[in-house]
């Protein structure tokens, strides 16, 4: 049982862990894309922090306002753009 065997054995487990994380990340991205934000049941307990270009900030802040999210649960960062 040499060093190379140990490295190969660890490499398989590391690849498995990284692969599972990548799959979960992609699945959550698909879920957030397919299910509209206003259909999430936990929305009333969420805090929102938005950052990005001015047009995206404006649109997202308007959307959150229309959905009834109070100003106290909305934060944004315009990065001084």
PDB file of N, CA and C in Angstrom:
ATOM      1  N   UNK A   1       0.832  -1.181   0.000  1.00  0.00           N
ATOM      2  CA  UNK A   1       0.000   0.000   0.000  1.00  0.00           C
ATOM      3  C   UNK A   1       0.875   1.241   0.000  1.00  0.00           C
ATOM      4  N   UNK A   2       1.153   1.709  -1.155  1.00  0.00           N
ATOM      5  CA  UNK A   2       2.034   2.855  -1.268  1.00  0.00           C
ATOM      6  C   UNK A   2       1.285   4.168  -1.241  1.00  0.00           C
ATOM      7  N   UNK A   3       2.067   5.183  -1.395  1.00  0.00           N
ATOM      8  CA  UNK A   3       1.526   6.552  -1.382  1.00  0.00           C
ATOM      9  C   UNK A   3       0.544   6.779  -2.523  1.00  0.00           C
ATOM     10  N   UNK A   4       0.868   6.265  -3.713  1.00  0.00           N
ATOM     11  CA  UNK A   4       0.001   6.485  -4.876  1.00  0.00           C
ATOM     12  C   UNK A   4      -1.366   5.825  -4.686  1.00  0.00           C
ATOM     13  N   UNK A   5      -1.412   4.688  -4.012  1.00  0.00           N
ATOM     14  CA  UNK A   5      -2.690   4.034  -3.735  1.00  0.00           C
ATOM     15  C   UNK A   5      -3.537   4.914  -2.826  1.00  0.00           C
ATOM     16  N   UNK A   6      -2.930   5.480  -1.806  1.00  0.00           N
ATOM     17  CA  UNK A   6      -3.652   6.349  -0.874  1.00  0.00           C
ATOM     18  C   UNK A   6      -4.191   7.595  -1.580  1.00  0.00           C
ATOM     19  N   UNK A   7      -3.386   8.145  -2.464  1.00  0.00           N
ATOM     20  CA  UNK A   7      -3.818   9.330  -3.206  1.00  0.00           C
ATOM     21  C   UNK A   7      -5.003   8.985  -4.099  1.00  0.00           C
ATOM     22  N   UNK A   8      -4.938   7.852  -4.792  1.00  0.00           N
ATOM     23  CA  UNK A   8      -6.044   7.436  -5.668  1.00  0.00           C
ATOM     24  C   UNK A   8      -7.314   7.193  -4.863  1.00  0.00           C
ATOM     25  N   UNK A   9      -7.168   6.591  -3.714  1.00  0.00           N
ATOM     26  CA  UNK A   9      -8.326   6.301  -2.868  1.00  0.00           C
ATOM     27  C   UNK A   9      -8.960   7.597  -2.368  1.00  0.00           C
ATOM     28  N   UNK A  10      -8.157   8.526  -1.910  1.00  0.00           N
ATOM     29  CA  UNK A  10      -8.682   9.830  -1.460  1.00  0.00           C
ATOM     30  C   UNK A  10      -9.288  10.602  -2.624  1.00  0.00           C
ATOM     31  N   UNK A  11      -8.672  10.504  -3.786  1.00  0.00           N
ATOM     32  CA  UNK A  11      -9.150  11.238  -4.956  1.00  0.00           C
ATOM     33  C   UNK A  11     -10.570  10.826  -5.316  1.00  0.00           C
ATOM     34  N   UNK A  12     -10.883   9.545  -5.198  1.00  0.00           N
ATOM     35  CA  UNK A  12     -12.238   9.071  -5.508  1.00  0.00           C
ATOM     36  C   UNK A  12     -13.261   9.701  -4.566  1.00  0.00           C
ATOM     37  N   UNK A  13     -12.952   9.771  -3.278  1.00  0.00           N
ATOM     38  CA  UNK A  13     -13.886  10.333  -2.311  1.00  0.00           C
ATOM     39  C   UNK A  13     -14.026  11.839  -2.487  1.00  0.00           C
ATOM     40  N   UNK A  14     -12.925  12.490  -2.760  1.00  0.00           N
ATOM     41  CA  UNK A  14     -12.980  13.945  -2.993  1.00  0.00           C
ATOM     42  C   UNK A  14     -13.825  14.232  -4.232  1.00  0.00           C
ATOM     43  N   UNK A  15     -13.637  13.448  -5.287  1.00  0.00           N
ATOM     44  CA  UNK A  15     -14.426  13.630  -6.506  1.00  0.00           C
ATOM     45  C   UNK A  15     -15.906  13.403  -6.233  1.00  0.00           C
ATOM     46  N   UNK A  16     -16.233  12.409  -5.409  1.00  0.00           N
ATOM     47  CA  UNK A  16     -17.625  12.146  -5.067  1.00  0.00           C
ATOM     48  C   UNK A  16     -18.244  13.320  -4.310  1.00  0.00           C
ATOM     49  N   UNK A  17     -17.540  13.824  -3.320  1.00  0.00           N
ATOM     50  CA  UNK A  17     -18.055  14.948  -2.529  1.00  0.00           C
ATOM     51  C   UNK A  17     -18.245  16.183  -3.405  1.00  0.00           C
ATOM     52  N   UNK A  18     -17.261  16.505  -4.221  1.00  0.00           N
ATOM     53  CA  UNK A  18     -17.359  17.671  -5.104  1.00  0.00           C
ATOM     54  C   UNK A  18     -18.487  17.474  -6.117  1.00  0.00           C
ATOM     55  N   UNK A  19     -18.628  16.275  -6.648  1.00  0.00           N
ATOM     56  CA  UNK A  19     -19.689  15.992  -7.614  1.00  0.00           C
ATOM     57  C   UNK A  19     -21.072  16.158  -7.018  1.00  0.00           C
ATOM     58  N   UNK A  20     -21.274  15.670  -5.796  1.00  0.00           N
ATOM     59  CA  UNK A  20     -22.569  15.810  -5.123  1.00  0.00           C
ATOM     60  C   UNK A  20     -22.866  17.282  -4.866  1.00  0.00           C
ATOM     61  N   UNK A  21     -21.879  18.036  -4.426  1.00  0.00           N
ATOM     62  CA  UNK A  21     -22.082  19.467  -4.203  1.00  0.00           C
ATOM     63  C   UNK A  21     -22.468  20.179  -5.488  1.00  0.00           C
ATOM     64  N   UNK A  22     -21.818  19.846  -6.587  1.00  0.00           N
ATOM     65  CA  UNK A  22     -22.124  20.470  -7.877  1.00  0.00           C
ATOM     66  C   UNK A  22     -23.550  20.133  -8.310  1.00  0.00           C
ATOM     67  N   UNK A  23     -23.966  18.891  -8.126  1.00  0.00           N
ATOM     68  CA  UNK A  23     -25.330  18.500  -8.485  1.00  0.00           C
ATOM     69  C   UNK A  23     -26.369  19.244  -7.651  1.00  0.00           C
ATOM     70  N   UNK A  24     -26.138  19.350  -6.350  1.00  0.00           N
ATOM     71  CA  UNK A  24     -27.074  20.080  -5.486  1.00  0.00           C
ATOM     72  C   UNK A  24     -27.130  21.555  -5.858  1.00  0.00           C
ATOM     73  N   UNK A  25     -25.989  22.142  -6.186  1.00  0.00           N
ATOM     74  CA  UNK A  25     -25.944  23.547  -6.592  1.00  0.00           C
ATOM     75  C   UNK A  25     -26.747  23.764  -7.868  1.00  0.00           C
ATOM     76  N   UNK A  26     -26.560  22.868  -8.846  1.00  0.00           N
ATOM     77  CA  UNK A  26     -27.295  22.998 -10.107  1.00  0.00           C
ATOM     78  C   UNK A  26     -28.793  22.769  -9.901  1.00  0.00           C
ATOM     79  N   UNK A  27     -29.153  21.799  -9.075  1.00  0.00           N
ATOM     80  CA  UNK A  27     -30.572  21.523  -8.821  1.00  0.00           C
ATOM     81  C   UNK A  27     -31.242  22.713  -8.142  1.00  0.00           C
ATOM     82  N   UNK A  28     -30.559  23.339  -7.198  1.00  0.00           N
ATOM     83  CA  UNK A  28     -31.157  24.506  -6.539  1.00  0.00           C
ATOM     84  C   UNK A  28     -31.291  25.669  -7.507  1.00  0.00           C
ATOM     85  N   UNK A  29     -30.360  25.816  -8.426  1.00  0.00           N
ATOM     86  CA  UNK A  29     -30.461  26.864  -9.435  1.00  0.00           C
ATOM     87  C   UNK A  29     -31.634  26.635 -10.368  1.00  0.00           C
ATOM     88  N   UNK A  30     -31.847  25.387 -10.762  1.00  0.00           N
ATOM     89  CA  UNK A  30     -32.992  25.065 -11.616  1.00  0.00           C
ATOM     90  C   UNK A  30     -34.291  25.331 -10.865  1.00  0.00           C
ATOM     91  N   UNK A  31     -34.350  24.949  -9.604  1.00  0.00           N
ATOM     92  CA  UNK A  31     -35.550  25.180  -8.791  1.00  0.00           C
ATOM     93  C   UNK A  31     -35.860  26.669  -8.702  1.00  0.00           C
ATOM     94  N   UNK A  32     -34.844  27.483  -8.427  1.00  0.00           N
ATOM     95  CA  UNK A  32     -35.060  28.929  -8.294  1.00  0.00           C
ATOM     96  C   UNK A  32     -35.439  29.555  -9.629  1.00  0.00           C
ATOM     97  N   UNK A  33     -35.053  28.948 -10.727  1.00  0.00           N
ATOM     98  CA  UNK A  33     -35.404  29.459 -12.044  1.00  0.00           C
ATOM     99  C   UNK A  33     -36.826  29.074 -12.431  1.00  0.00           C
ATOM    100  N   UNK A  34     -37.225  27.862 -12.105  1.00  0.00           N
ATOM    101  CA  UNK A  34     -38.524  27.342 -12.525  1.00  0.00           C
ATOM    102  C   UNK A  34     -39.664  27.845 -11.630  1.00  0.00           C
ATOM    103  N   UNK A  35     -39.453  27.878 -10.320  1.00  0.00           N
ATOM    104  CA  UNK A  35     -40.508  28.271  -9.387  1.00  0.00           C
ATOM    105  C   UNK A  35     -40.442  29.779  -9.170  1.00  0.00           C
ATOM    106  N   UNK A  36     -41.526  30.502  -9.470  1.00  0.00           N
ATOM    107  CA  UNK A  36     -41.526  31.950  -9.262  1.00  0.00           C
ATOM    108  C   UNK A  36     -41.331  32.298  -7.781  1.00  0.00           C
ATOM    109  N   UNK A  37     -40.681  33.408  -7.524  1.00  0.00           N
ATOM    110  CA  UNK A  37     -40.345  33.816  -6.164  1.00  0.00           C
ATOM    111  C   UNK A  37     -41.587  33.977  -5.298  1.00  0.00           C
ATOM    112  N   UNK A  38     -42.665  34.511  -5.848  1.00  0.00           N
ATOM    113  CA  UNK A  38     -43.852  34.761  -5.027  1.00  0.00           C
ATOM    114  C   UNK A  38     -44.612  33.482  -4.670  1.00  0.00           C
ATOM    115  N   UNK A  39     -44.197  32.325  -5.168  1.00  0.00           N
ATOM    116  CA  UNK A  39     -44.840  31.053  -4.813  1.00  0.00           C
ATOM    117  C   UNK A  39     -44.131  30.342  -3.670  1.00  0.00           C
ATOM    118  N   UNK A  40     -43.010  30.862  -3.213  1.00  0.00           N
ATOM    119  CA  UNK A  40     -42.286  30.226  -2.116  1.00  0.00           C
ATOM    120  C   UNK A  40     -43.045  30.468  -0.813  1.00  0.00           C
ATOM    121  N   UNK A  41     -43.198  29.429  -0.023  1.00  0.00           N
ATOM    122  CA  UNK A  41     -44.000  29.521   1.201  1.00  0.00           C
ATOM    123  C   UNK A  41     -43.272  30.249   2.330  1.00  0.00           C
ATOM    124  N   UNK A  42     -41.970  30.320   2.287  1.00  0.00           N
ATOM    125  CA  UNK A  42     -41.203  30.930   3.366  1.00  0.00           C
ATOM    126  C   UNK A  42     -40.908  32.403   3.110  1.00  0.00           C
ATOM    127  N   UNK A  43     -41.543  32.994   2.137  1.00  0.00           N
ATOM    128  CA  UNK A  43     -41.221  34.349   1.703  1.00  0.00           C
ATOM    129  C   UNK A  43     -41.400  35.386   2.814  1.00  0.00           C
ATOM    130  N   UNK A  44     -42.404  35.192   3.668  1.00  0.00           N
ATOM    131  CA  UNK A  44     -42.666  36.186   4.708  1.00  0.00           C
ATOM    132  C   UNK A  44     -41.603  36.223   5.800  1.00  0.00           C
ATOM    133  N   UNK A  45     -40.724  35.236   5.839  1.00  0.00           N
ATOM    134  CA  UNK A  45     -39.668  35.237   6.856  1.00  0.00           C
ATOM    135  C   UNK A  45     -38.290  35.545   6.265  1.00  0.00           C
ATOM    136  N   UNK A  46     -38.227  35.886   4.975  1.00  0.00           N
ATOM    137  CA  UNK A  46     -36.942  36.114   4.310  1.00  0.00           C
ATOM    138  C   UNK A  46     -36.501  37.569   4.382  1.00  0.00           C
ATOM    139  N   UNK A  47     -35.197  37.744   4.386  1.00  0.00           N
ATOM    140  CA  UNK A  47     -34.583  39.052   4.228  1.00  0.00           C
ATOM    141  C   UNK A  47     -33.879  39.037   2.877  1.00  0.00           C
ATOM    142  N   UNK A  48     -33.949  40.133   2.163  1.00  0.00           N
ATOM    143  CA  UNK A  48     -33.400  40.192   0.815  1.00  0.00           C
ATOM    144  C   UNK A  48     -32.257  41.193   0.753  1.00  0.00           C
ATOM    145  N   UNK A  49     -31.138  40.746   0.235  1.00  0.00           N
ATOM    146  CA  UNK A  49     -29.991  41.618  -0.027  1.00  0.00           C
ATOM    147  C   UNK A  49     -29.707  41.529  -1.515  1.00  0.00           C
ATOM    148  N   UNK A  50     -29.796  42.645  -2.200  1.00  0.00           N
ATOM    149  CA  UNK A  50     -29.647  42.671  -3.653  1.00  0.00           C
ATOM    150  C   UNK A  50     -28.475  43.571  -4.011  1.00  0.00           C
ATOM    151  N   UNK A  51     -27.638  43.102  -4.901  1.00  0.00           N
ATOM    152  CA  UNK A  51     -26.578  43.943  -5.434  1.00  0.00           C
ATOM    153  C   UNK A  51     -26.419  43.622  -6.910  1.00  0.00           C
ATOM    154  N   UNK A  52     -26.001  44.609  -7.654  1.00  0.00           N
ATOM    155  CA  UNK A  52     -25.840  44.412  -9.081  1.00  0.00           C
ATOM    156  C   UNK A  52     -25.918  45.719  -9.833  1.00  0.00           C
ATOM    157  N   UNK A  53     -26.034  45.637 -11.144  1.00  0.00           N
ATOM    158  CA  UNK A  53     -26.117  46.846 -11.952  1.00  0.00           C
ATOM    159  C   UNK A  53     -27.408  47.611 -11.664  1.00  0.00           C
ATOM    160  N   UNK A  54     -27.419  48.920 -11.918  1.00  0.00           N
ATOM    161  CA  UNK A  54     -28.572  49.758 -11.575  1.00  0.00           C
ATOM    162  C   UNK A  54     -29.905  49.254 -12.128  1.00  0.00           C
ATOM    163  N   UNK A  55     -29.945  48.795 -13.354  1.00  0.00           N
ATOM    164  CA  UNK A  55     -31.218  48.330 -13.934  1.00  0.00           C
ATOM    165  C   UNK A  55     -31.751  47.105 -13.186  1.00  0.00           C
ATOM    166  N   UNK A  56     -30.855  46.193 -12.820  1.00  0.00           N
ATOM    167  CA  UNK A  56     -31.276  45.014 -12.082  1.00  0.00           C
ATOM    168  C   UNK A  56     -31.767  45.391 -10.688  1.00  0.00           C
ATOM    169  N   UNK A  57     -31.055  46.304 -10.029  1.00  0.00           N
ATOM    170  CA  UNK A  57     -31.478  46.766  -8.707  1.00  0.00           C
ATOM    171  C   UNK A  57     -32.866  47.391  -8.762  1.00  0.00           C
ATOM    172  N   UNK A  58     -33.077  48.250  -9.724  1.00  0.00           N
ATOM    173  CA  UNK A  58     -34.361  48.938  -9.856  1.00  0.00           C
ATOM    174  C   UNK A  58     -35.489  47.932 -10.068  1.00  0.00           C
ATOM    175  N   UNK A  59     -35.291  46.999 -10.977  1.00  0.00           N
ATOM    176  CA  UNK A  59     -36.317  46.001 -11.278  1.00  0.00           C
ATOM    177  C   UNK A  59     -36.590  45.101 -10.081  1.00  0.00           C
ATOM    178  N   UNK A  60     -35.543  44.639  -9.426  1.00  0.00           N
ATOM    179  CA  UNK A  60     -35.704  43.731  -8.286  1.00  0.00           C
ATOM    180  C   UNK A  60     -36.360  44.438  -7.115  1.00  0.00           C
ATOM    181  N   UNK A  61     -35.974  45.667  -6.847  1.00  0.00           N
ATOM    182  CA  UNK A  61     -36.596  46.407  -5.743  1.00  0.00           C
ATOM    183  C   UNK A  61     -38.071  46.660  -6.020  1.00  0.00           C
ATOM    184  N   UNK A  62     -38.419  46.967  -7.269  1.00  0.00           N
ATOM    185  CA  UNK A  62     -39.828  47.151  -7.622  1.00  0.00           C
ATOM    186  C   UNK A  62     -40.614  45.854  -7.457  1.00  0.00           C
ATOM    187  N   UNK A  63     -40.034  44.740  -7.882  1.00  0.00           N
ATOM    188  CA  UNK A  63     -40.688  43.447  -7.770  1.00  0.00           C
ATOM    189  C   UNK A  63     -40.947  43.093  -6.304  1.00  0.00           C
ATOM    190  N   UNK A  64     -39.945  43.294  -5.450  1.00  0.00           N
ATOM    191  CA  UNK A  64     -40.116  42.998  -4.025  1.00  0.00           C
ATOM    192  C   UNK A  64     -41.176  43.899  -3.409  1.00  0.00           C
ATOM    193  N   UNK A  65     -41.218  45.137  -3.825  1.00  0.00           N
ATOM    194  CA  UNK A  65     -42.227  46.061  -3.331  1.00  0.00           C
ATOM    195  C   UNK A  65     -43.624  45.613  -3.745  1.00  0.00           C
ATOM    196  N   UNK A  66     -43.788  45.218  -4.995  1.00  0.00           N
ATOM    197  CA  UNK A  66     -45.085  44.736  -5.489  1.00  0.00           C
ATOM    198  C   UNK A  66     -45.522  43.459  -4.785  1.00  0.00           C
ATOM    199  N   UNK A  67     -44.565  42.653  -4.360  1.00  0.00           N
ATOM    200  CA  UNK A  67     -44.880  41.404  -3.662  1.00  0.00           C
ATOM    201  C   UNK A  67     -45.214  41.648  -2.196  1.00  0.00           C
ATOM    202  N   UNK A  68     -45.061  42.877  -1.735  1.00  0.00           N
ATOM    203  CA  UNK A  68     -45.417  43.213  -0.363  1.00  0.00           C
ATOM    204  C   UNK A  68     -44.328  42.978   0.657  1.00  0.00           C
ATOM    205  N   UNK A  69     -43.097  42.833   0.208  1.00  0.00           N
ATOM    206  CA  UNK A  69     -41.977  42.656   1.144  1.00  0.00           C
ATOM    207  C   UNK A  69     -41.691  44.011   1.785  1.00  0.00           C
ATOM    208  N   UNK A  70     -41.756  44.117   3.119  1.00  0.00           N
ATOM    209  CA  UNK A  70     -41.534  45.405   3.771  1.00  0.00           C
ATOM    210  C   UNK A  70     -40.112  45.930   3.563  1.00  0.00           C
ATOM    211  N   UNK A  71     -39.979  47.239   3.585  1.00  0.00           N
ATOM    212  CA  UNK A  71     -38.679  47.902   3.391  1.00  0.00           C
ATOM    213  C   UNK A  71     -37.656  47.446   4.435  1.00  0.00           C
ATOM    214  N   UNK A  72     -38.121  47.064   5.618  1.00  0.00           N
ATOM    215  CA  UNK A  72     -37.212  46.634   6.690  1.00  0.00           C
ATOM    216  C   UNK A  72     -36.537  45.302   6.387  1.00  0.00           C
ATOM    217  N   UNK A  73     -37.083  44.543   5.448  1.00  0.00           N
ATOM    218  CA  UNK A  73     -36.475  43.254   5.085  1.00  0.00           C
ATOM    219  C   UNK A  73     -35.807  43.303   3.720  1.00  0.00           C
ATOM    220  N   UNK A  74     -35.575  44.512   3.208  1.00  0.00           N
ATOM    221  CA  UNK A  74     -34.903  44.678   1.914  1.00  0.00           C
ATOM    222  C   UNK A  74     -33.656  45.529   2.093  1.00  0.00           C
ATOM    223  N   UNK A  75     -32.554  45.040   1.600  1.00  0.00           N
ATOM    224  CA  UNK A  75     -31.296  45.805   1.580  1.00  0.00           C
ATOM    225  C   UNK A  75     -30.713  45.728   0.193  1.00  0.00           C
ATOM    226  N   UNK A  76     -29.948  46.739  -0.152  1.00  0.00           N
ATOM    227  CA  UNK A  76     -29.328  46.715  -1.475  1.00  0.00           C
ATOM    228  C   UNK A  76     -27.969  47.399  -1.415  1.00  0.00           C
ATOM    229  N   UNK A  77     -27.170  47.081  -2.390  1.00  0.00           N
ATOM    230  CA  UNK A  77     -25.852  47.684  -2.522  1.00  0.00           C
ATOM    231  C   UNK A  77     -25.692  48.062  -3.984  1.00  0.00           C
ATOM    232  N   UNK A  78     -25.590  49.341  -4.244  1.00  0.00           N
ATOM    233  CA  UNK A  78     -25.451  49.795  -5.632  1.00  0.00           C
ATOM    234  C   UNK A  78     -23.991  49.885  -6.058  1.00  0.00           C
ATOM    235  N   UNK A  79     -23.078  49.510  -5.196  1.00  0.00           N
ATOM    236  CA  UNK A  79     -21.636  49.526  -5.477  1.00  0.00           C
ATOM    237  C   UNK A  79     -21.164  50.883  -5.992  1.00  0.00           C
ATOM    238  N   UNK A  80     -21.908  51.898  -5.662  1.00  0.00           N
ATOM    239  CA  UNK A  80     -21.595  53.282  -6.042  1.00  0.00           C
ATOM    240  C   UNK A  80     -21.437  53.426  -7.563  1.00  0.00           C
ATOM    241  N   UNK A  81     -22.270  52.686  -8.316  1.00  0.00           N
ATOM    242  CA  UNK A  81     -22.211  52.768  -9.769  1.00  0.00           C
ATOM    243  C   UNK A  81     -23.010  53.969 -10.235  1.00  0.00           C
TER     244      UNK A  81
END
